[in-house]
Amino acid sequence: PAAVCCVAAKCSEFTCADHTTAITANADEDQTDAPQTKCCEDKKCQDYACPTGYGATTGQEQAAQTTDPTTACCTVDATKCASHSCAAGTKAKDASAGTDKGATDAEAATNCCEVDATKCASHSCAAGTKAKDASAGTDKGAT
């Protein structure tokens, strides 16, 4: 009955696994017993968009993405602290300009910045308020 009732499935009907893509030229081929290799091929690093904080690993363009394309295809973007703007209430750490800022915003904030311990003497009190006695030498805090 199989010969009478059934036909071979084609590669075009096969869903390729993650990190693989259909071999276009094989669309009309029979799936056979190994469709994952007959019908699909590994995606290459050049087709993978590295996530924020990572850059493409030079020379890996033709490498297979594998099961962890971020590791296979990308490297931490070692942009330096000098390119990172510290948030309000923080300032650049001394001598951090040449330090890698890291892959995430949180890493950059930690690696490159510290609380700005500028003193109260540089702070202008709002209308209707006045400086506390002896507060001029106190750290004004980050916010």
N, C-alpha and C. Protein backbone atom coordinates (compact mmCIF):
# COMPACT_ATOMS: atom_id res chain seq x y z
N PRO A 1 0.81 -1.23 0.00
CA PRO A 1 0.00 0.00 0.00
C PRO A 1 0.83 1.27 0.00
N ALA A 2 2.04 1.21 0.59
CA ALA A 2 2.86 2.42 0.63
C ALA A 2 3.15 2.93 -0.77
N ALA A 3 3.50 2.03 -1.66
CA ALA A 3 3.84 2.44 -3.02
C ALA A 3 2.63 3.00 -3.75
N VAL A 4 1.48 2.47 -3.42
CA VAL A 4 0.26 2.91 -4.09
C VAL A 4 -0.28 4.20 -3.47
N CYS A 5 -0.12 4.31 -2.15
CA CYS A 5 -0.79 5.39 -1.43
C CYS A 5 0.10 6.57 -1.07
N CYS A 6 1.39 6.41 -1.13
CA CYS A 6 2.30 7.43 -0.61
C CYS A 6 3.30 7.91 -1.65
N VAL A 7 3.75 9.14 -1.48
CA VAL A 7 4.83 9.69 -2.30
C VAL A 7 5.87 10.31 -1.38
N ALA A 8 7.08 10.44 -1.88
CA ALA A 8 8.15 11.02 -1.08
C ALA A 8 7.88 12.50 -0.84
N ALA A 9 8.13 12.95 0.39
CA ALA A 9 8.02 14.37 0.72
C ALA A 9 9.22 15.11 0.14
N LYS A 10 9.00 16.31 -0.27
CA LYS A 10 10.07 17.11 -0.87
C LYS A 10 10.75 18.00 0.18
N CYS A 11 11.96 18.41 -0.10
CA CYS A 11 12.68 19.31 0.80
C CYS A 11 11.91 20.61 1.04
N SER A 12 11.18 21.06 0.04
CA SER A 12 10.44 22.31 0.18
C SER A 12 9.37 22.22 1.26
N GLU A 13 9.05 20.99 1.69
CA GLU A 13 8.05 20.80 2.74
C GLU A 13 8.67 20.59 4.12
N PHE A 14 9.98 20.65 4.17
CA PHE A 14 10.68 20.37 5.42
C PHE A 14 11.04 21.67 6.13
N THR A 15 10.79 21.73 7.43
CA THR A 15 11.13 22.93 8.22
C THR A 15 12.53 22.76 8.79
N CYS A 16 13.44 23.62 8.38
CA CYS A 16 14.82 23.53 8.84
C CYS A 16 14.92 23.99 10.31
N ALA A 17 15.87 23.43 11.01
CA ALA A 17 16.07 23.72 12.43
C ALA A 17 16.65 25.12 12.64
N ASP A 18 16.61 25.57 13.89
CA ASP A 18 17.23 26.85 14.22
C ASP A 18 18.68 26.87 13.75
N HIS A 19 19.12 28.02 13.30
CA HIS A 19 20.50 28.23 12.84
C HIS A 19 20.83 27.49 11.55
N THR A 20 19.81 26.95 10.90
CA THR A 20 20.01 26.35 9.57
C THR A 20 19.01 26.99 8.62
N THR A 21 19.28 26.83 7.33
CA THR A 21 18.42 27.43 6.32
C THR A 21 18.24 26.46 5.17
N ALA A 22 17.14 26.56 4.43
CA ALA A 22 16.87 25.64 3.33
C ALA A 22 17.91 25.78 2.22
N ILE A 23 18.31 24.64 1.65
CA ILE A 23 19.18 24.64 0.48
C ILE A 23 18.26 24.84 -0.72
N THR A 24 18.25 26.05 -1.23
CA THR A 24 17.29 26.43 -2.26
C THR A 24 17.30 25.47 -3.45
N ALA A 25 18.47 25.07 -3.87
CA ALA A 25 18.59 24.21 -5.06
C ALA A 25 17.99 22.82 -4.83
N ASN A 26 17.77 22.45 -3.57
CA ASN A 26 17.26 21.11 -3.27
C ASN A 26 15.76 21.09 -2.99
N ALA A 27 15.07 22.15 -3.27
CA ALA A 27 13.66 22.26 -2.92
C ALA A 27 12.83 21.09 -3.45
N ASP A 28 13.14 20.60 -4.65
CA ASP A 28 12.35 19.51 -5.25
C ASP A 28 12.92 18.14 -4.96
N GLU A 29 14.01 18.08 -4.17
CA GLU A 29 14.61 16.78 -3.83
C GLU A 29 13.75 16.05 -2.81
N ASP A 30 13.81 14.72 -2.84
CA ASP A 30 13.13 13.94 -1.81
C ASP A 30 13.83 14.19 -0.47
N GLN A 31 13.05 14.24 0.60
CA GLN A 31 13.65 14.46 1.92
C GLN A 31 14.60 13.33 2.31
N THR A 32 14.31 12.12 1.90
CA THR A 32 15.07 10.90 2.25
C THR A 32 15.10 10.72 3.77
N ASP A 33 16.08 9.96 4.27
CA ASP A 33 16.14 9.65 5.70
C ASP A 33 16.84 10.73 6.51
N ALA A 34 17.49 11.67 5.84
CA ALA A 34 18.25 12.70 6.58
C ALA A 34 17.91 14.08 6.03
N PRO A 35 16.66 14.49 6.19
CA PRO A 35 16.27 15.79 5.61
C PRO A 35 17.03 16.97 6.17
N GLN A 36 17.48 16.85 7.43
CA GLN A 36 18.18 17.99 8.02
C GLN A 36 19.50 18.28 7.31
N THR A 37 20.08 17.26 6.66
CA THR A 37 21.30 17.51 5.89
C THR A 37 21.02 17.57 4.39
N LYS A 38 20.02 16.83 3.93
CA LYS A 38 19.67 16.83 2.51
C LYS A 38 19.02 18.16 2.11
N CYS A 39 18.24 18.71 3.04
CA CYS A 39 17.40 19.86 2.69
C CYS A 39 17.88 21.18 3.28
N CYS A 40 18.75 21.10 4.27
CA CYS A 40 19.17 22.31 5.01
C CYS A 40 20.68 22.41 5.10
N GLU A 41 21.14 23.62 5.36
CA GLU A 41 22.57 23.85 5.60
C GLU A 41 22.71 24.85 6.74
N ASP A 42 23.88 24.86 7.36
CA ASP A 42 24.11 25.79 8.46
C ASP A 42 24.04 27.23 7.96
N LYS A 43 23.40 28.08 8.77
CA LYS A 43 23.49 29.51 8.49
C LYS A 43 24.90 29.97 8.82
N LYS A 44 25.37 30.98 8.12
CA LYS A 44 26.71 31.50 8.34
C LYS A 44 26.67 32.72 9.25
N CYS A 45 27.81 32.99 9.87
CA CYS A 45 27.91 34.15 10.75
C CYS A 45 27.53 35.45 10.04
N GLN A 46 27.83 35.51 8.76
CA GLN A 46 27.54 36.75 8.02
C GLN A 46 26.05 37.06 7.96
N ASP A 47 25.22 36.03 8.23
CA ASP A 47 23.77 36.23 8.21
C ASP A 47 23.21 36.55 9.60
N TYR A 48 24.08 36.59 10.60
CA TYR A 48 23.63 36.76 11.98
C TYR A 48 23.90 38.18 12.45
N ALA A 49 22.87 38.80 13.00
CA ALA A 49 23.03 40.16 13.53
C ALA A 49 23.41 40.07 15.01
N CYS A 50 24.59 40.53 15.35
CA CYS A 50 25.05 40.47 16.74
C CYS A 50 24.20 41.37 17.61
N PRO A 51 23.91 40.95 18.85
CA PRO A 51 23.07 41.77 19.73
C PRO A 51 23.79 43.02 20.21
N THR A 52 23.04 43.93 20.79
CA THR A 52 23.60 45.17 21.32
C THR A 52 24.76 44.87 22.27
N GLY A 53 25.85 45.60 22.11
CA GLY A 53 27.01 45.39 22.96
C GLY A 53 28.01 44.40 22.40
N TYR A 54 27.67 43.80 21.24
CA TYR A 54 28.57 42.85 20.61
C TYR A 54 28.84 43.29 19.18
N GLY A 55 30.02 42.93 18.67
CA GLY A 55 30.37 43.18 17.29
C GLY A 55 30.75 41.87 16.61
N ALA A 56 30.69 41.83 15.28
CA ALA A 56 31.06 40.62 14.55
C ALA A 56 32.52 40.27 14.80
N THR A 57 32.78 38.98 14.97
CA THR A 57 34.15 38.51 15.14
C THR A 57 34.81 38.48 13.77
N THR A 58 35.83 39.28 13.57
CA THR A 58 36.50 39.39 12.29
C THR A 58 36.98 38.02 11.82
N GLY A 59 36.74 37.73 10.54
CA GLY A 59 37.20 36.47 9.97
C GLY A 59 36.26 35.30 10.16
N GLN A 60 35.12 35.53 10.84
CA GLN A 60 34.18 34.44 11.10
C GLN A 60 33.01 34.42 10.12
N GLU A 61 33.06 35.27 9.10
CA GLU A 61 31.89 35.44 8.23
C GLU A 61 31.36 34.12 7.68
N GLN A 62 32.28 33.21 7.29
CA GLN A 62 31.86 31.95 6.68
C GLN A 62 31.67 30.83 7.68
N ALA A 63 31.90 31.11 8.96
CA ALA A 63 31.75 30.07 9.98
C ALA A 63 30.28 29.78 10.22
N ALA A 64 29.99 28.55 10.62
CA ALA A 64 28.61 28.17 10.95
C ALA A 64 28.19 28.86 12.24
N GLN A 65 26.93 29.24 12.31
CA GLN A 65 26.42 29.90 13.52
C GLN A 65 26.44 28.95 14.71
N THR A 66 26.27 27.69 14.49
CA THR A 66 26.17 26.66 15.54
C THR A 66 24.96 26.92 16.43
N THR A 67 24.91 26.26 17.58
CA THR A 67 23.76 26.41 18.46
C THR A 67 23.83 27.70 19.28
N ASP A 68 25.00 28.35 19.32
CA ASP A 68 25.13 29.61 20.06
C ASP A 68 25.81 30.64 19.16
N PRO A 69 25.04 31.23 18.24
CA PRO A 69 25.66 32.13 17.27
C PRO A 69 26.34 33.34 17.89
N THR A 70 25.83 33.80 19.05
CA THR A 70 26.48 34.96 19.68
C THR A 70 27.93 34.63 20.00
N THR A 71 28.16 33.43 20.54
CA THR A 71 29.52 33.02 20.87
C THR A 71 30.33 32.71 19.61
N ALA A 72 29.69 32.05 18.66
CA ALA A 72 30.41 31.63 17.45
C ALA A 72 30.77 32.80 16.54
N CYS A 73 29.89 33.80 16.52
CA CYS A 73 30.01 34.84 15.50
C CYS A 73 30.35 36.23 16.03
N CYS A 74 30.19 36.43 17.33
CA CYS A 74 30.29 37.78 17.87
C CYS A 74 31.30 37.84 19.03
N THR A 75 31.74 39.03 19.29
CA THR A 75 32.62 39.27 20.42
C THR A 75 32.14 40.52 21.15
N VAL A 76 32.44 40.61 22.43
CA VAL A 76 32.05 41.81 23.17
C VAL A 76 32.65 43.04 22.50
N ASP A 77 31.82 44.04 22.31
CA ASP A 77 32.28 45.29 21.72
C ASP A 77 33.13 46.02 22.76
N ALA A 78 34.43 45.99 22.55
CA ALA A 78 35.36 46.55 23.54
C ALA A 78 35.54 48.06 23.36
N THR A 79 34.46 48.73 23.03
CA THR A 79 34.51 50.19 22.95
C THR A 79 34.94 50.72 24.32
N LYS A 80 35.70 51.76 24.32
CA LYS A 80 36.30 52.24 25.56
C LYS A 80 35.38 53.20 26.32
N CYS A 81 35.68 53.34 27.61
CA CYS A 81 34.90 54.24 28.47
C CYS A 81 34.86 55.67 27.93
N ALA A 82 35.90 56.05 27.21
CA ALA A 82 35.97 57.41 26.69
C ALA A 82 34.75 57.75 25.83
N SER A 83 34.09 56.73 25.27
CA SER A 83 32.93 56.98 24.41
C SER A 83 31.61 56.92 25.18
N HIS A 84 31.68 56.69 26.49
CA HIS A 84 30.47 56.53 27.31
C HIS A 84 30.17 57.80 28.08
N SER A 85 28.93 58.26 27.99
CA SER A 85 28.52 59.44 28.75
C SER A 85 27.93 59.00 30.08
N CYS A 86 28.53 59.43 31.15
CA CYS A 86 28.04 59.06 32.48
C CYS A 86 26.71 59.75 32.77
N ALA A 87 25.87 59.07 33.52
CA ALA A 87 24.53 59.58 33.83
C ALA A 87 24.60 60.76 34.79
N ALA A 88 23.51 61.49 34.87
CA ALA A 88 23.43 62.61 35.79
C ALA A 88 23.73 62.14 37.21
N GLY A 89 24.52 62.91 37.92
CA GLY A 89 24.88 62.54 39.28
C GLY A 89 26.07 61.61 39.37
N THR A 90 26.60 61.21 38.22
CA THR A 90 27.82 60.40 38.21
C THR A 90 28.85 61.09 37.34
N LYS A 91 30.08 60.67 37.48
CA LYS A 91 31.15 61.25 36.67
C LYS A 91 32.09 60.13 36.25
N ALA A 92 32.91 60.38 35.25
CA ALA A 92 33.86 59.38 34.78
C ALA A 92 34.86 59.05 35.88
N LYS A 93 35.16 57.74 36.00
CA LYS A 93 36.19 57.34 36.96
C LYS A 93 37.54 57.82 36.45
N ASP A 94 38.38 58.25 37.35
CA ASP A 94 39.73 58.65 36.96
C ASP A 94 40.40 57.48 36.25
N ALA A 95 41.06 57.75 35.14
CA ALA A 95 41.84 56.76 34.41
C ALA A 95 41.00 55.62 33.83
N SER A 96 39.68 55.81 33.71
CA SER A 96 38.86 54.75 33.12
C SER A 96 38.69 54.92 31.62
N ALA A 97 39.17 56.02 31.05
CA ALA A 97 38.92 56.31 29.63
C ALA A 97 39.37 55.17 28.71
N GLY A 98 40.46 54.50 29.06
CA GLY A 98 40.96 53.43 28.21
C GLY A 98 40.41 52.07 28.57
N THR A 99 39.48 52.00 29.52
CA THR A 99 38.90 50.74 29.97
C THR A 99 37.77 50.32 29.04
N ASP A 100 37.64 49.00 28.79
CA ASP A 100 36.51 48.51 28.00
C ASP A 100 35.22 48.84 28.73
N LYS A 101 34.25 49.40 28.02
CA LYS A 101 33.02 49.77 28.71
C LYS A 101 32.10 48.58 28.94
N GLY A 102 32.36 47.43 28.28
CA GLY A 102 31.54 46.25 28.48
C GLY A 102 30.40 46.17 27.47
N ALA A 103 29.66 45.07 27.54
CA ALA A 103 28.64 44.79 26.53
C ALA A 103 27.30 45.44 26.84
N THR A 104 27.03 45.76 28.09
CA THR A 104 25.72 46.29 28.46
C THR A 104 25.84 47.69 29.06
N ASP A 105 24.71 48.38 29.09
CA ASP A 105 24.70 49.71 29.69
C ASP A 105 25.07 49.65 31.17
N ALA A 106 24.63 48.58 31.84
CA ALA A 106 24.95 48.44 33.26
C ALA A 106 26.44 48.26 33.47
N GLU A 107 27.07 47.46 32.60
CA GLU A 107 28.52 47.27 32.70
C GLU A 107 29.25 48.58 32.45
N ALA A 108 28.78 49.33 31.48
CA ALA A 108 29.41 50.61 31.18
C ALA A 108 29.32 51.55 32.36
N ALA A 109 28.13 51.59 32.97
CA ALA A 109 27.95 52.48 34.13
C ALA A 109 28.87 52.09 35.27
N THR A 110 29.06 50.78 35.46
CA THR A 110 29.92 50.30 36.54
C THR A 110 31.39 50.48 36.21
N ASN A 111 31.77 50.14 34.98
CA ASN A 111 33.18 50.18 34.60
C ASN A 111 33.71 51.60 34.45
N CYS A 112 32.84 52.51 34.04
CA CYS A 112 33.32 53.82 33.60
C CYS A 112 32.97 54.99 34.53
N CYS A 113 31.97 54.79 35.38
CA CYS A 113 31.44 55.92 36.14
C CYS A 113 31.41 55.64 37.64
N GLU A 114 31.36 56.71 38.41
CA GLU A 114 31.22 56.61 39.86
C GLU A 114 30.35 57.76 40.32
N VAL A 115 29.85 57.65 41.54
CA VAL A 115 29.04 58.74 42.08
C VAL A 115 29.86 60.02 42.08
N ASP A 116 29.24 61.08 41.63
CA ASP A 116 29.90 62.39 41.62
C ASP A 116 29.81 62.98 43.02
N ALA A 117 30.90 62.89 43.75
CA ALA A 117 30.90 63.34 45.15
C ALA A 117 31.26 64.82 45.26
N THR A 118 30.77 65.58 44.28
CA THR A 118 30.98 67.02 44.34
C THR A 118 30.34 67.56 45.63
N LYS A 119 30.92 68.58 46.18
CA LYS A 119 30.48 69.08 47.48
C LYS A 119 29.29 70.04 47.36
N CYS A 120 28.59 70.17 48.48
CA CYS A 120 27.42 71.04 48.54
C CYS A 120 27.75 72.48 48.13
N ALA A 121 28.98 72.87 48.33
CA ALA A 121 29.35 74.25 48.02
C ALA A 121 29.07 74.61 46.56
N SER A 122 29.00 73.59 45.70
CA SER A 122 28.77 73.87 44.28
C SER A 122 27.29 73.79 43.92
N HIS A 123 26.45 73.53 44.89
CA HIS A 123 25.02 73.34 44.63
C HIS A 123 24.24 74.61 44.95
N SER A 124 23.38 75.00 44.02
CA SER A 124 22.53 76.18 44.25
C SER A 124 21.20 75.72 44.84
N CYS A 125 20.89 76.19 46.00
CA CYS A 125 19.62 75.83 46.62
C CYS A 125 18.46 76.53 45.90
N ALA A 126 17.32 75.84 45.85
CA ALA A 126 16.16 76.36 45.14
C ALA A 126 15.56 77.57 45.84
N ALA A 127 14.76 78.30 45.10
CA ALA A 127 14.07 79.47 45.66
C ALA A 127 13.28 79.05 46.89
N GLY A 128 13.38 79.82 47.94
CA GLY A 128 12.67 79.53 49.17
C GLY A 128 13.39 78.56 50.09
N THR A 129 14.63 78.15 49.68
CA THR A 129 15.44 77.29 50.54
C THR A 129 16.80 77.95 50.70
N LYS A 130 17.54 77.51 51.69
CA LYS A 130 18.88 78.06 51.89
C LYS A 130 19.82 76.92 52.29
N ALA A 131 21.09 77.17 52.15
CA ALA A 131 22.09 76.16 52.49
C ALA A 131 22.04 75.85 53.98
N LYS A 132 22.18 74.54 54.31
CA LYS A 132 22.28 74.15 55.72
C LYS A 132 23.60 74.64 56.28
N ASP A 133 23.61 75.05 57.51
CA ASP A 133 24.85 75.45 58.14
C ASP A 133 25.84 74.28 58.05
N ALA A 134 27.09 74.60 57.70
CA ALA A 134 28.18 73.62 57.67
C ALA A 134 27.98 72.51 56.64
N SER A 135 27.09 72.73 55.65
CA SER A 135 26.90 71.67 54.64
C SER A 135 27.83 71.85 53.44
N ALA A 136 28.57 72.96 53.40
CA ALA A 136 29.37 73.25 52.22
C ALA A 136 30.37 72.13 51.89
N GLY A 137 30.91 71.45 52.90
CA GLY A 137 31.89 70.41 52.64
C GLY A 137 31.30 69.02 52.50
N THR A 138 29.97 68.91 52.51
CA THR A 138 29.29 67.62 52.43
C THR A 138 29.13 67.20 50.96
N ASP A 139 29.27 65.89 50.73
CA ASP A 139 29.01 65.40 49.36
C ASP A 139 27.56 65.67 49.03
N LYS A 140 27.33 66.21 47.82
CA LYS A 140 25.94 66.54 47.47
C LYS A 140 25.15 65.30 47.03
N GLY A 141 25.82 64.19 46.77
CA GLY A 141 25.13 62.98 46.36
C GLY A 141 24.95 62.89 44.87
N ALA A 142 24.37 61.77 44.45
CA ALA A 142 24.29 61.49 43.00
C ALA A 142 23.07 62.11 42.32
N THR A 143 22.04 62.41 43.07
CA THR A 143 20.80 62.87 42.43
C THR A 143 20.42 64.27 42.87
